[in-house]
C-alpha atoms as a PDB file:
ATOM      1  CA  MET A   1      76.171 118.883 118.679  1.00  0.00           C
ATOM      2  CA  SER A   2      78.410 118.849 121.782  1.00  0.00           C
ATOM      3  CA  HIS A   3      80.728 121.762 122.610  1.00  0.00           C
ATOM      4  CA  ILE A   4      83.811 119.722 121.723  1.00  0.00           C
ATOM      5  CA  ASP A   5      82.282 118.716 118.381  1.00  0.00           C
ATOM      6  CA  ILE A   6      81.635 122.385 117.590  1.00  0.00           C
ATOM      7  CA  GLU A   7      85.261 123.222 118.389  1.00  0.00           C
ATOM      8  CA  LEU A   8      86.551 120.291 116.297  1.00  0.00           C
ATOM      9  CA  GLU A   9      84.458 121.472 113.339  1.00  0.00           C
ATOM     10  CA  LYS A  10      85.927 124.957 113.780  1.00  0.00           C
ATOM     11  CA  ILE A  11      89.445 123.512 113.656  1.00  0.00           C
ATOM     12  CA  LYS A  12      88.614 121.408 110.604  1.00  0.00           C
ATOM     13  CA  SER A  13      87.277 124.495 108.829  1.00  0.00           C
ATOM     14  CA  LYS A  14      90.516 126.422 109.486  1.00  0.00           C
ATOM     15  CA  LEU A  15      92.569 123.434 108.360  1.00  0.00           C
ATOM     16  CA  MET A  16      90.636 123.304 105.065  1.00  0.00           C
ATOM     17  CA  GLU A  17      91.248 127.008 104.462  1.00  0.00           C
ATOM     18  CA  MET A  18      94.960 126.385 104.982  1.00  0.00           C
ATOM     19  CA  TRP A  19      94.762 123.318 102.725  1.00  0.00           C
ATOM     20  CA  ASP A  20      93.323 125.492  99.917  1.00  0.00           C
ATOM     21  CA  LEU A  21      96.344 127.799 100.099  1.00  0.00           C
ATOM     22  CA  VAL A  22      98.882 124.988 100.192  1.00  0.00           C
ATOM     23  CA  ASP A  23      97.155 123.205  97.328  1.00  0.00           C
ATOM     24  CA  TYR A  24      97.354 126.426  95.307  1.00  0.00           C
ATOM     25  CA  GLN A  25     101.068 126.757  96.124  1.00  0.00           C
ATOM     26  CA  VAL A  26     101.857 123.227  94.928  1.00  0.00           C
ATOM     27  CA  GLN A  27      99.869 123.495  91.692  1.00  0.00           C
ATOM     28  CA  SER A  28     101.202 126.972  90.948  1.00  0.00           C
ATOM     29  CA  SER A  29     104.805 125.888  91.509  1.00  0.00           C
ATOM     30  CA  GLN A  30     104.361 123.421  88.631  1.00  0.00           C
ATOM     31  CA  GLU A  31     102.991 126.187  86.416  1.00  0.00           C
ATOM     32  CA  ALA A  32     105.718 128.629  87.493  1.00  0.00           C
ATOM     33  CA  LEU A  33     108.398 126.095  86.537  1.00  0.00           C
ATOM     34  CA  ALA A  34     106.768 125.240  83.197  1.00  0.00           C
ATOM     35  CA  THR A  35     106.500 128.898  82.165  1.00  0.00           C
ATOM     36  CA  ILE A  36     109.411 130.362  84.188  1.00  0.00           C
ATOM     37  CA  ASN A  37     106.919 132.777  85.648  1.00  0.00           C
ATOM     38  CA  HIS A  38     108.833 134.831  88.224  1.00  0.00           C
ATOM     39  CA  GLU A  39     105.735 136.811  89.226  1.00  0.00           C
ATOM     40  CA  LEU A  40     103.858 133.611  90.061  1.00  0.00           C
ATOM     41  CA  ALA A  41     106.912 132.265  91.887  1.00  0.00           C
ATOM     42  CA  GLU A  42     106.946 135.410  94.037  1.00  0.00           C
ATOM     43  CA  LYS A  43     103.233 134.978  94.798  1.00  0.00           C
ATOM     44  CA  ILE A  44     103.866 131.387  95.938  1.00  0.00           C
ATOM     45  CA  ILE A  45     106.648 132.598  98.228  1.00  0.00           C
ATOM     46  CA  ASN A  46     104.554 135.408  99.694  1.00  0.00           C
ATOM     47  CA  LEU A  47     101.648 133.038 100.409  1.00  0.00           C
ATOM     48  CA  GLY A  48     103.979 131.271 102.828  1.00  0.00           C
ATOM     49  CA  LYS A  49     103.371 133.984 105.435  1.00  0.00           C
ATOM     50  CA  LYS A  50      99.614 133.387 105.256  1.00  0.00           C
ATOM     51  CA  VAL A  51     100.104 129.621 105.536  1.00  0.00           C
ATOM     52  CA  ASN A  52     102.305 130.161 108.602  1.00  0.00           C
ATOM     53  CA  LYS A  53      99.556 132.202 110.276  1.00  0.00           C
ATOM     54  CA  TYR A  54      97.083 129.373 109.681  1.00  0.00           C
ATOM     55  CA  ASP A  55      99.614 126.922 111.116  1.00  0.00           C
ATOM     56  CA  ILE A  56      99.805 128.909 114.363  1.00  0.00           C
ATOM     57  CA  LYS A  57      96.031 129.436 114.454  1.00  0.00           C
ATOM     58  CA  VAL A  58      95.247 125.706 114.095  1.00  0.00           C
ATOM     59  CA  ASP A  59      97.845 124.843 116.771  1.00  0.00           C
ATOM     60  CA  ARG A  60      96.287 127.307 119.202  1.00  0.00           C
ATOM     61  CA  LEU A  61      92.739 126.084 118.537  1.00  0.00           C
ATOM     62  CA  CYS A  62      93.901 122.517 119.255  1.00  0.00           C
ATOM     63  CA  GLU A  63      95.652 123.610 122.448  1.00  0.00           C
ATOM     64  CA  ASN A  64      92.477 125.314 123.642  1.00  0.00           C
ATOM     65  CA  VAL A  65      90.447 122.124 123.145  1.00  0.00           C
ATOM     66  CA  PHE A  66      93.078 120.144 125.076  1.00  0.00           C
ATOM     67  CA  ALA A  67      92.900 122.657 127.916  1.00  0.00           C
ATOM     68  CA  LEU A  68      89.118 123.056 128.066  1.00  0.00           C
ATOM     69  CA  PHE A  69      87.720 119.595 127.264  1.00  0.00           C
ATOM     70  CA  THR A  70      90.368 116.979 128.179  1.00  0.00           C
ATOM     71  CA  PRO A  71      89.489 114.940 125.048  1.00  0.00           C
ATOM     72  CA  VAL A  72      89.678 111.128 125.006  1.00  0.00           C
ATOM     73  CA  ALA A  73      89.426 108.279 122.470  1.00  0.00           C
ATOM     74  CA  VAL A  74      88.598 109.396 118.915  1.00  0.00           C
ATOM     75  CA  ASP A  75      88.487 113.089 119.891  1.00  0.00           C
ATOM     76  CA  LEU A  76      91.998 112.843 121.327  1.00  0.00           C
ATOM     77  CA  ARG A  77      93.284 111.007 118.245  1.00  0.00           C
ATOM     78  CA  THR A  78      91.600 113.577 115.994  1.00  0.00           C
ATOM     79  CA  LEU A  79      93.393 116.427 117.751  1.00  0.00           C
ATOM     80  CA  LEU A  80      96.770 114.664 117.771  1.00  0.00           C
ATOM     81  CA  ALA A  81      96.407 113.815 114.088  1.00  0.00           C
ATOM     82  CA  THR A  82      95.262 117.352 113.241  1.00  0.00           C
ATOM     83  CA  LEU A  83      98.374 118.833 114.862  1.00  0.00           C
ATOM     84  CA  LYS A  84     100.595 116.608 112.723  1.00  0.00           C
ATOM     85  CA  ILE A  85      98.570 117.140 109.535  1.00  0.00           C
ATOM     86  CA  ASN A  86      98.795 120.881 110.181  1.00  0.00           C
ATOM     87  CA  ALA A  87     102.594 120.663 110.558  1.00  0.00           C
ATOM     88  CA  ASN A  88     102.943 118.620 107.362  1.00  0.00           C
ATOM     89  CA  LEU A  89     100.759 121.016 105.388  1.00  0.00           C
ATOM     90  CA  GLU A  90     102.961 123.883 106.535  1.00  0.00           C
ATOM     91  CA  ARG A  91     106.039 121.962 105.373  1.00  0.00           C
ATOM     92  CA  ILE A  92     104.430 121.281 101.983  1.00  0.00           C
ATOM     93  CA  GLY A  93     103.931 125.021 101.734  1.00  0.00           C
ATOM     94  CA  ASP A  94     107.634 125.471 102.585  1.00  0.00           C
ATOM     95  CA  SER A  95     108.609 122.996  99.854  1.00  0.00           C
ATOM     96  CA  SER A  96     106.488 124.915  97.321  1.00  0.00           C
ATOM     97  CA  GLU A  97     108.119 128.150  98.430  1.00  0.00           C
ATOM     98  CA  GLY A  98     111.493 126.505  97.869  1.00  0.00           C
ATOM     99  CA  ILE A  99     110.477 125.633  94.317  1.00  0.00           C
ATOM    100  CA  GLY A 100     109.418 129.254  93.865  1.00  0.00           C
ATOM    101  CA  TYR A 101     112.883 130.450  94.917  1.00  0.00           C
ATOM    102  CA  TYR A 102     114.546 128.015  92.479  1.00  0.00           C
ATOM    103  CA  VAL A 103     112.275 129.128  89.613  1.00  0.00           C
ATOM    104  CA  LYS A 104     113.380 132.711  90.251  1.00  0.00           C
ATOM    105  CA  LYS A 105     116.981 131.608  89.650  1.00  0.00           C
ATOM    106  CA  LEU A 106     116.113 130.486  86.136  1.00  0.00           C
ATOM    107  CA  SER A 107     116.200 132.917  83.213  1.00  0.00           C
ATOM    108  CA  ALA A 108     115.042 130.406  80.565  1.00  0.00           C
ATOM    109  CA  PRO A 109     112.946 127.214  80.498  1.00  0.00           C
ATOM    110  CA  ILE A 110     114.698 124.006  81.496  1.00  0.00           C
ATOM    111  CA  ASN A 111     115.671 121.703  78.635  1.00  0.00           C
ATOM    112  CA  GLN A 112     112.496 119.826  77.638  1.00  0.00           C
ATOM    113  CA  HIS A 113     114.342 116.551  76.989  1.00  0.00           C
ATOM    114  CA  LEU A 114     115.778 116.691  80.508  1.00  0.00           C
ATOM    115  CA  LEU A 115     112.354 117.411  82.004  1.00  0.00           C
ATOM    116  CA  THR A 116     110.891 114.468  80.096  1.00  0.00           C
ATOM    117  CA  ALA A 117     113.756 112.094  81.003  1.00  0.00           C
ATOM    118  CA  THR A 118     113.520 112.945  84.715  1.00  0.00           C
ATOM    119  CA  LYS A 119     109.707 112.720  84.608  1.00  0.00           C
ATOM    120  CA  THR A 120     109.479 116.005  86.500  1.00  0.00           C
ATOM    121  CA  GLY A 121     105.944 116.673  85.226  1.00  0.00           C
ATOM    122  CA  GLU A 122     104.857 113.184  86.252  1.00  0.00           C
ATOM    123  CA  MET A 123     106.274 113.775  89.733  1.00  0.00           C
ATOM    124  CA  PHE A 124     104.401 117.051  90.044  1.00  0.00           C
ATOM    125  CA  GLN A 125     101.137 115.437  88.947  1.00  0.00           C
ATOM    126  CA  ALA A 126     101.611 112.600  91.437  1.00  0.00           C
ATOM    127  CA  ALA A 127     102.332 115.042  94.290  1.00  0.00           C
ATOM    128  CA  VAL A 128      99.264 117.163  93.436  1.00  0.00           C
ATOM    129  CA  ALA A 129      97.080 114.025  93.237  1.00  0.00           C
ATOM    130  CA  MET A 130      98.409 112.706  96.574  1.00  0.00           C
ATOM    131  CA  LEU A 131      97.572 115.971  98.300  1.00  0.00           C
ATOM    132  CA  ALA A 132      94.061 115.996  96.788  1.00  0.00           C
ATOM    133  CA  GLU A 133      93.471 112.346  97.780  1.00  0.00           C
ATOM    134  CA  CYS A 134      94.649 113.065 101.322  1.00  0.00           C
ATOM    135  CA  ARG A 135      92.100 115.851 101.555  1.00  0.00           C
ATOM    136  CA  THR A 136      89.296 113.606 100.343  1.00  0.00           C
ATOM    137  CA  ALA A 137      90.406 110.848 102.712  1.00  0.00           C
ATOM    138  CA  TYR A 138      90.487 113.287 105.631  1.00  0.00           C
ATOM    139  CA  LEU A 139      87.055 114.765 104.943  1.00  0.00           C
ATOM    140  CA  ASN A 140      85.411 111.368 104.348  1.00  0.00           C
ATOM    141  CA  GLY A 141      87.405 109.392 106.907  1.00  0.00           C
ATOM    142  CA  ASP A 142      88.423 107.129 104.029  1.00  0.00           C
ATOM    143  CA  THR A 143      91.371 105.066 105.274  1.00  0.00           C
ATOM    144  CA  GLU A 144      91.439 102.910 102.127  1.00  0.00           C
ATOM    145  CA  LEU A 145      92.146 106.027 100.066  1.00  0.00           C
ATOM    146  CA  ALA A 146      94.787 107.069 102.605  1.00  0.00           C
ATOM    147  CA  LYS A 147      96.473 103.683 102.082  1.00  0.00           C
ATOM    148  CA  GLN A 148      96.474 104.301  98.311  1.00  0.00           C
ATOM    149  CA  VAL A 149      98.305 107.577  98.912  1.00  0.00           C
ATOM    150  CA  ILE A 150     101.022 105.718 100.828  1.00  0.00           C
ATOM    151  CA  LYS A 151     101.397 103.245  97.938  1.00  0.00           C
ATOM    152  CA  ARG A 152     101.575 106.065  95.410  1.00  0.00           C
ATOM    153  CA  ASP A 153     104.581 107.528  97.226  1.00  0.00           C
ATOM    154  CA  LYS A 154     106.620 104.429  96.341  1.00  0.00           C
ATOM    155  CA  ALA A 155     106.236 105.213  92.625  1.00  0.00           C
ATOM    156  CA  LEU A 156     107.233 108.811  93.272  1.00  0.00           C
ATOM    157  CA  ASN A 157     110.366 107.704  95.134  1.00  0.00           C
ATOM    158  CA  LYS A 158     111.307 105.358  92.298  1.00  0.00           C
ATOM    159  CA  ILE A 159     111.270 108.239  89.801  1.00  0.00           C
ATOM    160  CA  TYR A 160     113.180 110.462  92.236  1.00  0.00           C
ATOM    161  CA  HIS A 161     116.019 107.952  92.755  1.00  0.00           C
ATOM    162  CA  LYS A 162     116.678 107.765  89.006  1.00  0.00           C
ATOM    163  CA  SER A 163     116.918 111.555  88.611  1.00  0.00           C
ATOM    164  CA  ASP A 164     120.408 111.882  90.164  1.00  0.00           C
ATOM    165  CA  SER A 165     122.182 109.889  87.477  1.00  0.00           C
ATOM    166  CA  LEU A 166     120.151 111.459  84.640  1.00  0.00           C
ATOM    167  CA  ILE A 167     121.002 114.983  85.739  1.00  0.00           C
ATOM    168  CA  ALA A 168     124.659 114.078  86.430  1.00  0.00           C
ATOM    169  CA  LYS A 169     124.961 112.821  82.846  1.00  0.00           C
ATOM    170  CA  TYR A 170     123.273 115.955  81.494  1.00  0.00           C
ATOM    171  CA  ILE A 171     125.731 118.186  83.374  1.00  0.00           C
ATOM    172  CA  LYS A 172     128.684 116.080  82.186  1.00  0.00           C
ATOM    173  CA  ASP A 173     127.523 116.344  78.569  1.00  0.00           C
ATOM    174  CA  ASN A 174     126.648 120.053  78.914  1.00  0.00           C
ATOM    175  CA  PRO A 175     129.185 121.688  81.253  1.00  0.00           C
ATOM    176  CA  ASP A 176     127.717 125.114  80.502  1.00  0.00           C
ATOM    177  CA  LYS A 177     124.385 123.940  81.969  1.00  0.00           C
ATOM    178  CA  ILE A 178     125.543 123.122  85.476  1.00  0.00           C
ATOM    179  CA  GLN A 179     123.255 125.613  87.189  1.00  0.00           C
ATOM    180  CA  GLU A 180     120.235 124.444  85.179  1.00  0.00           C
ATOM    181  CA  GLY A 181     120.917 120.844  86.164  1.00  0.00           C
ATOM    182  CA  LEU A 182     121.463 121.644  89.835  1.00  0.00           C
ATOM    183  CA  VAL A 183     118.324 123.779  90.048  1.00  0.00           C
ATOM    184  CA  LEU A 184     116.225 121.003  88.517  1.00  0.00           C
ATOM    185  CA  LEU A 185     117.707 118.442  90.915  1.00  0.00           C
ATOM    186  CA  SER A 186     116.821 120.703  93.858  1.00  0.00           C
ATOM    187  CA  ILE A 187     113.260 121.123  92.571  1.00  0.00           C
ATOM    188  CA  ILE A 188     112.865 117.369  92.141  1.00  0.00           C
ATOM    189  CA  LYS A 189     114.011 116.874  95.737  1.00  0.00           C
ATOM    190  CA  LYS A 190     111.340 119.349  96.880  1.00  0.00           C
ATOM    191  CA  ILE A 191     108.636 117.459  94.952  1.00  0.00           C
ATOM    192  CA  GLU A 192     109.790 114.206  96.520  1.00  0.00           C
ATOM    193  CA  ARG A 193     109.523 115.814  99.957  1.00  0.00           C
ATOM    194  CA  ILE A 194     105.949 116.909  99.159  1.00  0.00           C
ATOM    195  CA  GLY A 195     105.185 113.241  98.441  1.00  0.00           C
ATOM    196  CA  ASP A 196     106.720 112.239 101.783  1.00  0.00           C
ATOM    197  CA  GLN A 197     104.719 114.887 103.637  1.00  0.00           C
ATOM    198  CA  ALA A 198     101.482 113.799 101.924  1.00  0.00           C
ATOM    199  CA  THR A 199     102.310 110.261 103.024  1.00  0.00           C
ATOM    200  CA  ASN A 200     102.721 111.486 106.610  1.00  0.00           C
ATOM    201  CA  ILE A 201      99.252 113.047 106.397  1.00  0.00           C
ATOM    202  CA  ALA A 202      97.781 109.790 105.069  1.00  0.00           C
ATOM    203  CA  GLU A 203      99.346 107.925 108.011  1.00  0.00           C
ATOM    204  CA  GLU A 204      97.765 110.354 110.471  1.00  0.00           C
ATOM    205  CA  ILE A 205      94.339 109.863 108.846  1.00  0.00           C
ATOM    206  CA  ILE A 206      94.653 106.104 109.362  1.00  0.00           C
ATOM    207  CA  PHE A 207      95.758 106.747 112.966  1.00  0.00           C
ATOM    208  CA  TYR A 208      92.786 108.872 113.945  1.00  0.00           C
ATOM    209  CA  ARG A 209      90.159 106.837 112.103  1.00  0.00           C
ATOM    210  CA  ASP A 210      91.341 103.275 112.817  1.00  0.00           C
ATOM    211  CA  ALA A 211      93.598 103.822 115.864  1.00  0.00           C
ATOM    212  CA  LYS A 212      96.410 102.135 113.934  1.00  0.00           C
ATOM    213  CA  VAL A 213      99.964 103.406 113.822  1.00  0.00           C
ATOM    214  CA  VAL A 214     101.376 102.682 110.352  1.00  0.00           C
ATOM    215  CA  LYS A 215     104.379 105.001 110.283  1.00  0.00           C
ATOM    216  CA  HIS A 216     107.792 103.327 110.523  1.00  0.00           C
ATOM    217  CA  LYS A 217     106.047  99.999 109.776  1.00  0.00           C
ATOM    218  CA  LYS A 218     108.267  99.280 106.788  1.00  0.00           C
ATOM    219  CA  LYS A 219     111.437  99.997 108.775  1.00  0.00           C
ATOM    220  CA  LYS A 220     110.264  97.759 111.619  1.00  0.00           C
ATOM    221  CA  LYS A 221     109.516  94.883 109.240  1.00  0.00           C
ATOM    222  CA  LYS A 222     113.009  95.190 107.749  1.00  0.00           C
ATOM    223  CA  LYS A 223     114.586  95.254 111.210  1.00  0.00           C
ATOM    224  CA  ASP A 224     112.633  92.161 112.310  1.00  0.00           C
ATOM    225  CA  LYS A 225     113.733  90.360 109.136  1.00  0.00           C
ATOM    226  CA  ASP A 226     117.381  91.324 109.685  1.00  0.00           C
ATOM    227  CA  GLU A 227     117.216  89.990 113.255  1.00  0.00           C
END
């Protein structure tokens, strides 16, 4: 194995350790919300410091490889993609922390009918699955799976866009539940962001494996059509 390959494996190993933590944060934030577990919410928040340290560590390892080996072709794309995947993982951790803070504001479980109507559990499950599929796609270089993650985000967005009106109606019908409604809306926005960030990771996997840039593709198509 070449020196650069050894360094890239070292970076991948650190990234996977960070991924474990972020994955735990996302899954635990669902549990913390379901059970209004303030202790678990605090643990999710505190893990953010550890995730941030990994973020800095992975960045520095990548910078060292740039400085020492002047990578080209697939090695260069791998490093560029790793930097962006690292940044998105850190943001997913931030989103989970945000959910932890919102859970701590709640003193009782959120109305079950509202949770069911907004499909909050379904959104959580989709976000967790997207993150897991991204990891598998990254480790196996599976760009077809990465493309499936991007498609899955559309379903997540569809659920998210319907939540505004559902929660607005709930607050209107239950004026004493304004805080509950607003907290749930904020949590749903965080889950939607996790889906977006997982999509960004999937796009970077396609970039480094196939040398194809797929981000902003949808916007470009729309612009071309409008012109």
